[in-house]
């Protein structure tokens, strides 16, 4: 069974690690305790929408990008195809908000 808080935590951790940032750096920028952010990343705590917004702001990633990635991961877990689309503004940069290229975003199947 897919647990939403775990998927959100995994996506946030992946985004932070892709930026080469530490939990301490992001927790400070998001104004949330290091321990709480760690629990969110490990899927042990449900993050409020306000907290998710603060973390996304600290990571300089739109909340919609995080939620889109979570949605895609859940679709994969459910055995559904993921649309082969990338928002135009991100496609123009050649990478999505998590640093993946269009080649990385091919549909499963």
PDB file of N, CA and C in Angstrom:
ATOM      1  N   UNK A   1       0.838  -1.177   0.000  1.00  0.00           N
ATOM      2  CA  UNK A   1       0.000   0.000   0.000  1.00  0.00           C
ATOM      3  C   UNK A   1       0.886   1.245   0.000  1.00  0.00           C
ATOM      4  N   UNK A   2       0.527   2.205  -0.813  1.00  0.00           N
ATOM      5  CA  UNK A   2       1.256   3.461  -0.894  1.00  0.00           C
ATOM      6  C   UNK A   2       0.862   4.340   0.291  1.00  0.00           C
ATOM      7  N   UNK A   3       1.846   4.868   0.987  1.00  0.00           N
ATOM      8  CA  UNK A   3       1.597   5.803   2.080  1.00  0.00           C
ATOM      9  C   UNK A   3       2.060   7.172   1.604  1.00  0.00           C
ATOM     10  N   UNK A   4       1.128   8.099   1.524  1.00  0.00           N
ATOM     11  CA  UNK A   4       1.403   9.420   0.963  1.00  0.00           C
ATOM     12  C   UNK A   4       2.546  10.121   1.680  1.00  0.00           C
ATOM     13  N   UNK A   5       2.574  10.066   3.004  1.00  0.00           N
ATOM     14  CA  UNK A   5       3.627  10.788   3.725  1.00  0.00           C
ATOM     15  C   UNK A   5       5.013  10.237   3.399  1.00  0.00           C
ATOM     16  N   UNK A   6       5.105   8.937   3.114  1.00  0.00           N
ATOM     17  CA  UNK A   6       6.404   8.356   2.739  1.00  0.00           C
ATOM     18  C   UNK A   6       6.843   8.841   1.366  1.00  0.00           C
ATOM     19  N   UNK A   7       5.907   8.882   0.434  1.00  0.00           N
ATOM     20  CA  UNK A   7       6.243   9.366  -0.917  1.00  0.00           C
ATOM     21  C   UNK A   7       6.661  10.830  -0.879  1.00  0.00           C
ATOM     22  N   UNK A   8       5.933  11.643  -0.126  1.00  0.00           N
ATOM     23  CA  UNK A   8       6.300  13.059   0.003  1.00  0.00           C
ATOM     24  C   UNK A   8       7.696  13.175   0.609  1.00  0.00           C
ATOM     25  N   UNK A   9       7.949  12.424   1.665  1.00  0.00           N
ATOM     26  CA  UNK A   9       9.270  12.456   2.301  1.00  0.00           C
ATOM     27  C   UNK A   9      10.380  12.039   1.360  1.00  0.00           C
ATOM     28  N   UNK A  10      10.141  10.978   0.589  1.00  0.00           N
ATOM     29  CA  UNK A  10      11.155  10.513  -0.376  1.00  0.00           C
ATOM     30  C   UNK A  10      11.458  11.577  -1.420  1.00  0.00           C
ATOM     31  N   UNK A  11      10.417  12.226  -1.927  1.00  0.00           N
ATOM     32  CA  UNK A  11      10.610  13.251  -2.962  1.00  0.00           C
ATOM     33  C   UNK A  11      11.355  14.456  -2.383  1.00  0.00           C
ATOM     34  N   UNK A  12      10.991  14.867  -1.188  1.00  0.00           N
ATOM     35  CA  UNK A  12      11.689  15.998  -0.566  1.00  0.00           C
ATOM     36  C   UNK A  12      13.158  15.664  -0.316  1.00  0.00           C
ATOM     37  N   UNK A  13      13.417  14.459   0.177  1.00  0.00           N
ATOM     38  CA  UNK A  13      14.807  14.048   0.433  1.00  0.00           C
ATOM     39  C   UNK A  13      15.596  13.984  -0.874  1.00  0.00           C
ATOM     40  N   UNK A  14      14.993  13.399  -1.913  1.00  0.00           N
ATOM     41  CA  UNK A  14      15.677  13.328  -3.213  1.00  0.00           C
ATOM     42  C   UNK A  14      16.012  14.724  -3.730  1.00  0.00           C
ATOM     43  N   UNK A  15      15.067  15.645  -3.610  1.00  0.00           N
ATOM     44  CA  UNK A  15      15.294  17.017  -4.090  1.00  0.00           C
ATOM     45  C   UNK A  15      16.426  17.675  -3.306  1.00  0.00           C
ATOM     46  N   UNK A  16      16.420  17.508  -2.002  1.00  0.00           N
ATOM     47  CA  UNK A  16      17.474  18.095  -1.162  1.00  0.00           C
ATOM     48  C   UNK A  16      18.832  17.506  -1.513  1.00  0.00           C
ATOM     49  N   UNK A  17      18.894  16.190  -1.659  1.00  0.00           N
ATOM     50  CA  UNK A  17      20.167  15.537  -1.962  1.00  0.00           C
ATOM     51  C   UNK A  17      20.673  15.897  -3.350  1.00  0.00           C
ATOM     52  N   UNK A  18      19.753  16.058  -4.314  1.00  0.00           N
ATOM     53  CA  UNK A  18      20.180  16.479  -5.655  1.00  0.00           C
ATOM     54  C   UNK A  18      20.832  17.857  -5.625  1.00  0.00           C
ATOM     55  N   UNK A  19      20.430  18.674  -4.675  1.00  0.00           N
ATOM     56  CA  UNK A  19      21.018  20.004  -4.527  1.00  0.00           C
ATOM     57  C   UNK A  19      22.303  19.977  -3.692  1.00  0.00           C
ATOM     58  N   UNK A  20      22.614  18.810  -3.141  1.00  0.00           N
ATOM     59  CA  UNK A  20      23.817  18.690  -2.319  1.00  0.00           C
ATOM     60  C   UNK A  20      23.708  19.420  -1.000  1.00  0.00           C
ATOM     61  N   UNK A  21      22.491  19.541  -0.486  1.00  0.00           N
ATOM     62  CA  UNK A  21      22.268  20.291   0.752  1.00  0.00           C
ATOM     63  C   UNK A  21      22.033  19.342   1.919  1.00  0.00           C
ATOM     64  N   UNK A  22      22.362  19.812   3.100  1.00  0.00           N
ATOM     65  CA  UNK A  22      22.175  19.016   4.303  1.00  0.00           C
ATOM     66  C   UNK A  22      20.813  19.285   4.913  1.00  0.00           C
ATOM     67  N   UNK A  23      20.389  18.359   5.771  1.00  0.00           N
ATOM     68  CA  UNK A  23      19.151  18.565   6.529  1.00  0.00           C
ATOM     69  C   UNK A  23      19.238  19.866   7.325  1.00  0.00           C
ATOM     70  N   UNK A  24      20.375  20.123   7.909  1.00  0.00           N
ATOM     71  CA  UNK A  24      20.560  21.328   8.723  1.00  0.00           C
ATOM     72  C   UNK A  24      20.345  22.595   7.899  1.00  0.00           C
ATOM     73  N   UNK A  25      20.913  22.628   6.694  1.00  0.00           N
ATOM     74  CA  UNK A  25      20.759  23.808   5.836  1.00  0.00           C
ATOM     75  C   UNK A  25      19.297  24.056   5.485  1.00  0.00           C
ATOM     76  N   UNK A  26      18.614  22.996   5.079  1.00  0.00           N
ATOM     77  CA  UNK A  26      17.220  23.140   4.653  1.00  0.00           C
ATOM     78  C   UNK A  26      16.312  23.432   5.844  1.00  0.00           C
ATOM     79  N   UNK A  27      16.549  22.771   6.971  1.00  0.00           N
ATOM     80  CA  UNK A  27      15.701  23.023   8.141  1.00  0.00           C
ATOM     81  C   UNK A  27      15.844  24.464   8.606  1.00  0.00           C
ATOM     82  N   UNK A  28      17.041  24.988   8.552  1.00  0.00           N
ATOM     83  CA  UNK A  28      17.266  26.384   8.932  1.00  0.00           C
ATOM     84  C   UNK A  28      16.551  27.337   7.977  1.00  0.00           C
ATOM     85  N   UNK A  29      16.703  27.088   6.684  1.00  0.00           N
ATOM     86  CA  UNK A  29      16.071  27.955   5.688  1.00  0.00           C
ATOM     87  C   UNK A  29      14.542  27.864   5.745  1.00  0.00           C
ATOM     88  N   UNK A  30      14.024  26.687   6.087  1.00  0.00           N
ATOM     89  CA  UNK A  30      12.570  26.486   6.148  1.00  0.00           C
ATOM     90  C   UNK A  30      12.009  26.868   7.518  1.00  0.00           C
ATOM     91  N   UNK A  31      12.873  27.164   8.458  1.00  0.00           N
ATOM     92  CA  UNK A  31      12.474  27.508   9.820  1.00  0.00           C
ATOM     93  C   UNK A  31      11.662  26.384  10.479  1.00  0.00           C
ATOM     94  N   UNK A  32      12.210  25.182  10.373  1.00  0.00           N
ATOM     95  CA  UNK A  32      11.616  24.001  10.995  1.00  0.00           C
ATOM     96  C   UNK A  32      12.752  23.237  11.672  1.00  0.00           C
ATOM     97  N   UNK A  33      12.456  22.568  12.755  1.00  0.00           N
ATOM     98  CA  UNK A  33      13.526  21.858  13.466  1.00  0.00           C
ATOM     99  C   UNK A  33      14.112  20.766  12.585  1.00  0.00           C
ATOM    100  N   UNK A  34      15.393  20.534  12.776  1.00  0.00           N
ATOM    101  CA  UNK A  34      16.092  19.502  12.016  1.00  0.00           C
ATOM    102  C   UNK A  34      15.447  18.139  12.253  1.00  0.00           C
ATOM    103  N   UNK A  35      15.103  17.846  13.490  1.00  0.00           N
ATOM    104  CA  UNK A  35      14.486  16.564  13.810  1.00  0.00           C
ATOM    105  C   UNK A  35      13.151  16.367  13.128  1.00  0.00           C
ATOM    106  N   UNK A  36      12.354  17.436  13.090  1.00  0.00           N
ATOM    107  CA  UNK A  36      11.041  17.320  12.456  1.00  0.00           C
ATOM    108  C   UNK A  36      11.188  17.121  10.949  1.00  0.00           C
ATOM    109  N   UNK A  37      12.089  17.876  10.315  1.00  0.00           N
ATOM    110  CA  UNK A  37      12.317  17.709   8.881  1.00  0.00           C
ATOM    111  C   UNK A  37      12.799  16.293   8.585  1.00  0.00           C
ATOM    112  N   UNK A  38      13.669  15.779   9.427  1.00  0.00           N
ATOM    113  CA  UNK A  38      14.142  14.405   9.255  1.00  0.00           C
ATOM    114  C   UNK A  38      12.976  13.425   9.316  1.00  0.00           C
ATOM    115  N   UNK A  39      12.068  13.620  10.264  1.00  0.00           N
ATOM    116  CA  UNK A  39      10.909  12.735  10.382  1.00  0.00           C
ATOM    117  C   UNK A  39       9.991  12.851   9.165  1.00  0.00           C
ATOM    118  N   UNK A  40       9.842  14.052   8.630  1.00  0.00           N
ATOM    119  CA  UNK A  40       9.031  14.240   7.420  1.00  0.00           C
ATOM    120  C   UNK A  40       9.681  13.495   6.257  1.00  0.00           C
ATOM    121  N   UNK A  41      10.987  13.653   6.089  1.00  0.00           N
ATOM    122  CA  UNK A  41      11.688  12.977   4.995  1.00  0.00           C
ATOM    123  C   UNK A  41      11.621  11.459   5.118  1.00  0.00           C
ATOM    124  N   UNK A  42      11.581  10.942   6.324  1.00  0.00           N
ATOM    125  CA  UNK A  42      11.501   9.496   6.527  1.00  0.00           C
ATOM    126  C   UNK A  42      10.063   8.981   6.518  1.00  0.00           C
ATOM    127  N   UNK A  43       9.103   9.884   6.286  1.00  0.00           N
ATOM    128  CA  UNK A  43       7.709   9.478   6.211  1.00  0.00           C
ATOM    129  C   UNK A  43       7.089   9.152   7.548  1.00  0.00           C
ATOM    130  N   UNK A  44       7.692   9.641   8.620  1.00  0.00           N
ATOM    131  CA  UNK A  44       7.172   9.368   9.955  1.00  0.00           C
ATOM    132  C   UNK A  44       6.203  10.436  10.437  1.00  0.00           C
ATOM    133  N   UNK A  45       6.252  11.617   9.841  1.00  0.00           N
ATOM    134  CA  UNK A  45       5.358  12.712  10.211  1.00  0.00           C
ATOM    135  C   UNK A  45       4.637  13.218   8.976  1.00  0.00           C
ATOM    136  N   UNK A  46       3.373  13.588   9.171  1.00  0.00           N
ATOM    137  CA  UNK A  46       2.584  14.221   8.106  1.00  0.00           C
ATOM    138  C   UNK A  46       2.897  15.712   8.116  1.00  0.00           C
ATOM    139  N   UNK A  47       3.373  16.231   7.024  1.00  0.00           N
ATOM    140  CA  UNK A  47       3.674  17.659   6.932  1.00  0.00           C
ATOM    141  C   UNK A  47       2.414  18.424   6.557  1.00  0.00           C
ATOM    142  N   UNK A  48       2.162  19.525   7.245  1.00  0.00           N
ATOM    143  CA  UNK A  48       1.035  20.387   6.881  1.00  0.00           C
ATOM    144  C   UNK A  48       1.339  21.073   5.560  1.00  0.00           C
ATOM    145  N   UNK A  49       0.315  21.630   4.949  1.00  0.00           N
ATOM    146  CA  UNK A  49       0.537  22.351   3.686  1.00  0.00           C
ATOM    147  C   UNK A  49       1.450  23.553   3.909  1.00  0.00           C
ATOM    148  N   UNK A  50       1.341  24.192   5.055  1.00  0.00           N
ATOM    149  CA  UNK A  50       2.214  25.332   5.363  1.00  0.00           C
ATOM    150  C   UNK A  50       3.665  24.887   5.486  1.00  0.00           C
ATOM    151  N   UNK A  51       3.875  23.760   6.161  1.00  0.00           N
ATOM    152  CA  UNK A  51       5.233  23.248   6.311  1.00  0.00           C
ATOM    153  C   UNK A  51       5.804  22.825   4.960  1.00  0.00           C
ATOM    154  N   UNK A  52       4.997  22.135   4.150  1.00  0.00           N
ATOM    155  CA  UNK A  52       5.457  21.759   2.812  1.00  0.00           C
ATOM    156  C   UNK A  52       5.835  22.997   2.009  1.00  0.00           C
ATOM    157  N   UNK A  53       5.032  24.028   2.110  1.00  0.00           N
ATOM    158  CA  UNK A  53       5.333  25.287   1.412  1.00  0.00           C
ATOM    159  C   UNK A  53       6.666  25.862   1.853  1.00  0.00           C
ATOM    160  N   UNK A  54       6.925  25.851   3.159  1.00  0.00           N
ATOM    161  CA  UNK A  54       8.193  26.379   3.685  1.00  0.00           C
ATOM    162  C   UNK A  54       9.388  25.552   3.214  1.00  0.00           C
ATOM    163  N   UNK A  55       9.223  24.238   3.213  1.00  0.00           N
ATOM    164  CA  UNK A  55      10.312  23.369   2.762  1.00  0.00           C
ATOM    165  C   UNK A  55      10.573  23.585   1.277  1.00  0.00           C
ATOM    166  N   UNK A  56       9.516  23.668   0.490  1.00  0.00           N
ATOM    167  CA  UNK A  56       9.677  23.895  -0.951  1.00  0.00           C
ATOM    168  C   UNK A  56      10.344  25.236  -1.218  1.00  0.00           C
ATOM    169  N   UNK A  57       9.947  26.248  -0.459  1.00  0.00           N
ATOM    170  CA  UNK A  57      10.574  27.567  -0.611  1.00  0.00           C
ATOM    171  C   UNK A  57      12.059  27.483  -0.269  1.00  0.00           C
ATOM    172  N   UNK A  58      12.394  26.767   0.794  1.00  0.00           N
ATOM    173  CA  UNK A  58      13.798  26.606   1.182  1.00  0.00           C
ATOM    174  C   UNK A  58      14.590  25.870   0.106  1.00  0.00           C
ATOM    175  N   UNK A  59      13.931  24.927  -0.571  1.00  0.00           N
ATOM    176  CA  UNK A  59      14.582  24.170  -1.649  1.00  0.00           C
ATOM    177  C   UNK A  59      14.522  24.906  -2.986  1.00  0.00           C
ATOM    178  N   UNK A  60      13.769  26.005  -3.028  1.00  0.00           N
ATOM    179  CA  UNK A  60      13.552  26.778  -4.261  1.00  0.00           C
ATOM    180  C   UNK A  60      12.947  25.902  -5.359  1.00  0.00           C
ATOM    181  N   UNK A  61      11.950  25.110  -4.953  1.00  0.00           N
ATOM    182  CA  UNK A  61      11.230  24.227  -5.869  1.00  0.00           C
ATOM    183  C   UNK A  61       9.742  24.489  -5.673  1.00  0.00           C
ATOM    184  N   UNK A  62       8.984  24.683  -6.744  1.00  0.00           N
ATOM    185  CA  UNK A  62       7.541  24.893  -6.588  1.00  0.00           C
ATOM    186  C   UNK A  62       6.876  23.678  -5.935  1.00  0.00           C
ATOM    187  N   UNK A  63       5.946  23.944  -5.043  1.00  0.00           N
ATOM    188  CA  UNK A  63       5.189  22.873  -4.402  1.00  0.00           C
ATOM    189  C   UNK A  63       4.530  21.988  -5.456  1.00  0.00           C
ATOM    190  N   UNK A  64       4.073  22.592  -6.541  1.00  0.00           N
ATOM    191  CA  UNK A  64       3.415  21.812  -7.600  1.00  0.00           C
ATOM    192  C   UNK A  64       4.364  20.775  -8.197  1.00  0.00           C
ATOM    193  N   UNK A  65       5.648  21.089  -8.292  1.00  0.00           N
ATOM    194  CA  UNK A  65       6.622  20.129  -8.825  1.00  0.00           C
ATOM    195  C   UNK A  65       6.797  18.946  -7.877  1.00  0.00           C
ATOM    196  N   UNK A  66       6.832  19.235  -6.594  1.00  0.00           N
ATOM    197  CA  UNK A  66       6.948  18.161  -5.605  1.00  0.00           C
ATOM    198  C   UNK A  66       5.709  17.279  -5.669  1.00  0.00           C
ATOM    199  N   UNK A  67       4.531  17.894  -5.695  1.00  0.00           N
ATOM    200  CA  UNK A  67       3.286  17.129  -5.733  1.00  0.00           C
ATOM    201  C   UNK A  67       3.151  16.340  -7.033  1.00  0.00           C
ATOM    202  N   UNK A  68       3.639  16.896  -8.132  1.00  0.00           N
ATOM    203  CA  UNK A  68       3.595  16.177  -9.411  1.00  0.00           C
ATOM    204  C   UNK A  68       4.462  14.923  -9.345  1.00  0.00           C
ATOM    205  N   UNK A  69       5.644  15.054  -8.773  1.00  0.00           N
ATOM    206  CA  UNK A  69       6.538  13.902  -8.634  1.00  0.00           C
ATOM    207  C   UNK A  69       5.915  12.846  -7.730  1.00  0.00           C
ATOM    208  N   UNK A  70       5.310  13.273  -6.632  1.00  0.00           N
ATOM    209  CA  UNK A  70       4.633  12.336  -5.732  1.00  0.00           C
ATOM    210  C   UNK A  70       3.515  11.624  -6.482  1.00  0.00           C
ATOM    211  N   UNK A  71       2.739  12.374  -7.234  1.00  0.00           N
ATOM    212  CA  UNK A  71       1.647  11.793  -8.011  1.00  0.00           C
ATOM    213  C   UNK A  71       2.166  10.765  -9.013  1.00  0.00           C
ATOM    214  N   UNK A  72       3.256  11.088  -9.683  1.00  0.00           N
ATOM    215  CA  UNK A  72       3.851  10.149 -10.648  1.00  0.00           C
ATOM    216  C   UNK A  72       4.308   8.867  -9.955  1.00  0.00           C
ATOM    217  N   UNK A  73       4.915   8.995  -8.796  1.00  0.00           N
ATOM    218  CA  UNK A  73       5.376   7.813  -8.064  1.00  0.00           C
ATOM    219  C   UNK A  73       4.204   6.936  -7.626  1.00  0.00           C
ATOM    220  N   UNK A  74       3.128   7.570  -7.206  1.00  0.00           N
ATOM    221  CA  UNK A  74       1.947   6.807  -6.805  1.00  0.00           C
ATOM    222  C   UNK A  74       1.338   6.109  -8.019  1.00  0.00           C
ATOM    223  N   UNK A  75       1.320   6.799  -9.159  1.00  0.00           N
ATOM    224  CA  UNK A  75       0.798   6.187 -10.387  1.00  0.00           C
ATOM    225  C   UNK A  75       1.615   4.945 -10.754  1.00  0.00           C
ATOM    226  N   UNK A  76       2.920   5.024 -10.606  1.00  0.00           N
ATOM    227  CA  UNK A  76       3.780   3.871 -10.890  1.00  0.00           C
ATOM    228  C   UNK A  76       3.431   2.726  -9.933  1.00  0.00           C
ATOM    229  N   UNK A  77       3.291   3.044  -8.656  1.00  0.00           N
ATOM    230  CA  UNK A  77       2.956   2.017  -7.665  1.00  0.00           C
ATOM    231  C   UNK A  77       1.605   1.371  -7.960  1.00  0.00           C
ATOM    232  N   UNK A  78       0.697   2.147  -8.539  1.00  0.00           N
ATOM    233  CA  UNK A  78      -0.624   1.625  -8.895  1.00  0.00           C
ATOM    234  C   UNK A  78      -0.634   0.929 -10.252  1.00  0.00           C
ATOM    235  N   UNK A  79       0.503   0.947 -10.929  1.00  0.00           N
ATOM    236  CA  UNK A  79       0.600   0.290 -12.226  1.00  0.00           C
ATOM    237  C   UNK A  79       0.038   1.100 -13.376  1.00  0.00           C
ATOM    238  N   UNK A  80      -0.076   2.409 -13.196  1.00  0.00           N
ATOM    239  CA  UNK A  80      -0.596   3.278 -14.248  1.00  0.00           C
ATOM    240  C   UNK A  80       0.538   3.902 -15.044  1.00  0.00           C
ATOM    241  N   UNK A  81       0.247   4.289 -16.269  1.00  0.00           N
ATOM    242  CA  UNK A  81       1.240   5.006 -17.076  1.00  0.00           C
ATOM    243  C   UNK A  81       1.336   6.440 -16.603  1.00  0.00           C
ATOM    244  N   UNK A  82       2.513   6.981 -16.700  1.00  0.00           N
ATOM    245  CA  UNK A  82       2.736   8.383 -16.360  1.00  0.00           C
ATOM    246  C   UNK A  82       2.734   9.180 -17.654  1.00  0.00           C
ATOM    247  N   UNK A  83       1.995  10.310 -17.705  1.00  0.00           N
ATOM    248  CA  UNK A  83       1.994  11.118 -18.925  1.00  0.00           C
ATOM    249  C   UNK A  83       3.403  11.591 -19.268  1.00  0.00           C
ATOM    250  N   UNK A  84       3.695  11.615 -20.546  1.00  0.00           N
ATOM    251  CA  UNK A  84       5.004  12.056 -21.028  1.00  0.00           C
ATOM    252  C   UNK A  84       4.962  13.561 -21.279  1.00  0.00           C
ATOM    253  N   UNK A  85       4.657  14.323 -20.238  1.00  0.00           N
ATOM    254  CA  UNK A  85       4.578  15.766 -20.375  1.00  0.00           C
ATOM    255  C   UNK A  85       5.416  16.445 -19.305  1.00  0.00           C
ATOM    256  N   UNK A  86       5.978  17.554 -19.674  1.00  0.00           N
ATOM    257  CA  UNK A  86       6.740  18.384 -18.762  1.00  0.00           C
ATOM    258  C   UNK A  86       6.218  19.808 -18.966  1.00  0.00           C
ATOM    259  N   UNK A  87       5.960  20.558 -17.884  1.00  0.00           N
ATOM    260  CA  UNK A  87       5.502  21.931 -18.051  1.00  0.00           C
ATOM    261  C   UNK A  87       6.434  22.717 -18.972  1.00  0.00           C
ATOM    262  N   UNK A  88       5.839  23.560 -19.805  1.00  0.00           N
ATOM    263  CA  UNK A  88       6.597  24.290 -20.834  1.00  0.00           C
ATOM    264  C   UNK A  88       7.768  25.077 -20.256  1.00  0.00           C
ATOM    265  N   UNK A  89       7.569  25.740 -19.108  1.00  0.00           N
ATOM    266  CA  UNK A  89       8.653  26.538 -18.546  1.00  0.00           C
ATOM    267  C   UNK A  89       9.828  25.674 -18.102  1.00  0.00           C
ATOM    268  N   UNK A  90       9.535  24.478 -17.613  1.00  0.00           N
ATOM    269  CA  UNK A  90      10.616  23.584 -17.210  1.00  0.00           C
ATOM    270  C   UNK A  90      11.260  22.918 -18.418  1.00  0.00           C
ATOM    271  N   UNK A  91      10.452  22.591 -19.418  1.00  0.00           N
ATOM    272  CA  UNK A  91      10.998  21.984 -20.631  1.00  0.00           C
ATOM    273  C   UNK A  91      11.965  22.940 -21.321  1.00  0.00           C
ATOM    274  N   UNK A  92      11.653  24.236 -21.266  1.00  0.00           N
ATOM    275  CA  UNK A  92      12.513  25.240 -21.893  1.00  0.00           C
ATOM    276  C   UNK A  92      13.891  25.258 -21.235  1.00  0.00           C
ATOM    277  N   UNK A  93      13.951  24.892 -19.963  1.00  0.00           N
ATOM    278  CA  UNK A  93      15.235  24.860 -19.252  1.00  0.00           C
ATOM    279  C   UNK A  93      15.959  23.541 -19.481  1.00  0.00           C
ATOM    280  N   UNK A  94      15.265  22.560 -20.033  1.00  0.00           N
ATOM    281  CA  UNK A  94      15.893  21.277 -20.315  1.00  0.00           C
ATOM    282  C   UNK A  94      15.857  20.298 -19.155  1.00  0.00           C
ATOM    283  N   UNK A  95      15.435  20.743 -17.983  1.00  0.00           N
ATOM    284  CA  UNK A  95      15.347  19.881 -16.807  1.00  0.00           C
ATOM    285  C   UNK A  95      14.105  20.256 -16.019  1.00  0.00           C
ATOM    286  N   UNK A  96      13.571  19.277 -15.296  1.00  0.00           N
ATOM    287  CA  UNK A  96      12.444  19.595 -14.428  1.00  0.00           C
ATOM    288  C   UNK A  96      12.973  20.092 -13.090  1.00  0.00           C
ATOM    289  N   UNK A  97      12.087  20.373 -12.163  1.00  0.00           N
ATOM    290  CA  UNK A  97      12.475  20.959 -10.882  1.00  0.00           C
ATOM    291  C   UNK A  97      13.341  20.026 -10.043  1.00  0.00           C
ATOM    292  N   UNK A  98      13.302  18.749 -10.324  1.00  0.00           N
ATOM    293  CA  UNK A  98      14.131  17.805  -9.581  1.00  0.00           C
ATOM    294  C   UNK A  98      15.415  17.472 -10.327  1.00  0.00           C
ATOM    295  N   UNK A  99      15.673  18.177 -11.441  1.00  0.00           N
ATOM    296  CA  UNK A  99      16.928  18.005 -12.150  1.00  0.00           C
ATOM    297  C   UNK A  99      16.948  16.920 -13.193  1.00  0.00           C
ATOM    298  N   UNK A 100      15.788  16.338 -13.512  1.00  0.00           N
ATOM    299  CA  UNK A 100      15.747  15.266 -14.505  1.00  0.00           C
ATOM    300  C   UNK A 100      15.577  15.856 -15.899  1.00  0.00           C
ATOM    301  N   UNK A 101      16.160  15.208 -16.882  1.00  0.00           N
ATOM    302  CA  UNK A 101      15.992  15.617 -18.269  1.00  0.00           C
ATOM    303  C   UNK A 101      14.747  14.957 -18.836  1.00  0.00           C
ATOM    304  N   UNK A 102      14.321  15.383 -20.010  1.00  0.00           N
ATOM    305  CA  UNK A 102      13.144  14.796 -20.659  1.00  0.00           C
ATOM    306  C   UNK A 102      13.343  13.309 -20.895  1.00  0.00           C
ATOM    307  N   UNK A 103      14.564  12.889 -21.180  1.00  0.00           N
ATOM    308  CA  UNK A 103      14.853  11.477 -21.392  1.00  0.00           C
ATOM    309  C   UNK A 103      14.539  10.660 -20.142  1.00  0.00           C
ATOM    310  N   UNK A 104      14.761  11.263 -18.950  1.00  0.00           N
ATOM    311  CA  UNK A 104      14.477  10.578 -17.686  1.00  0.00           C
ATOM    312  C   UNK A 104      12.988  10.410 -17.434  1.00  0.00           C
ATOM    313  N   UNK A 105      12.160  11.154 -18.151  1.00  0.00           N
ATOM    314  CA  UNK A 105      10.723  11.189 -17.865  1.00  0.00           C
ATOM    315  C   UNK A 105       9.887  10.394 -18.855  1.00  0.00           C
ATOM    316  N   UNK A 106      10.467   9.389 -19.473  1.00  0.00           N
ATOM    317  CA  UNK A 106       9.739   8.573 -20.443  1.00  0.00           C
ATOM    318  C   UNK A 106       8.685   7.741 -19.728  1.00  0.00           C
ATOM    319  N   UNK A 107       7.546   7.475 -20.411  1.00  0.00           N
ATOM    320  CA  UNK A 107       6.498   6.675 -19.773  1.00  0.00           C
ATOM    321  C   UNK A 107       6.973   5.255 -19.520  1.00  0.00           C
ATOM    322  N   UNK A 108       6.390   4.662 -18.518  1.00  0.00           N
ATOM    323  CA  UNK A 108       6.704   3.278 -18.171  1.00  0.00           C
ATOM    324  C   UNK A 108       5.829   2.369 -18.993  1.00  0.00           C
ATOM    325  N   UNK A 109       6.382   1.301 -19.487  1.00  0.00           N
ATOM    326  CA  UNK A 109       5.534   0.380 -20.223  1.00  0.00           C
ATOM    327  C   UNK A 109       6.182  -0.050 -21.438  1.00  0.00           C
TER     328      UNK A 109
END
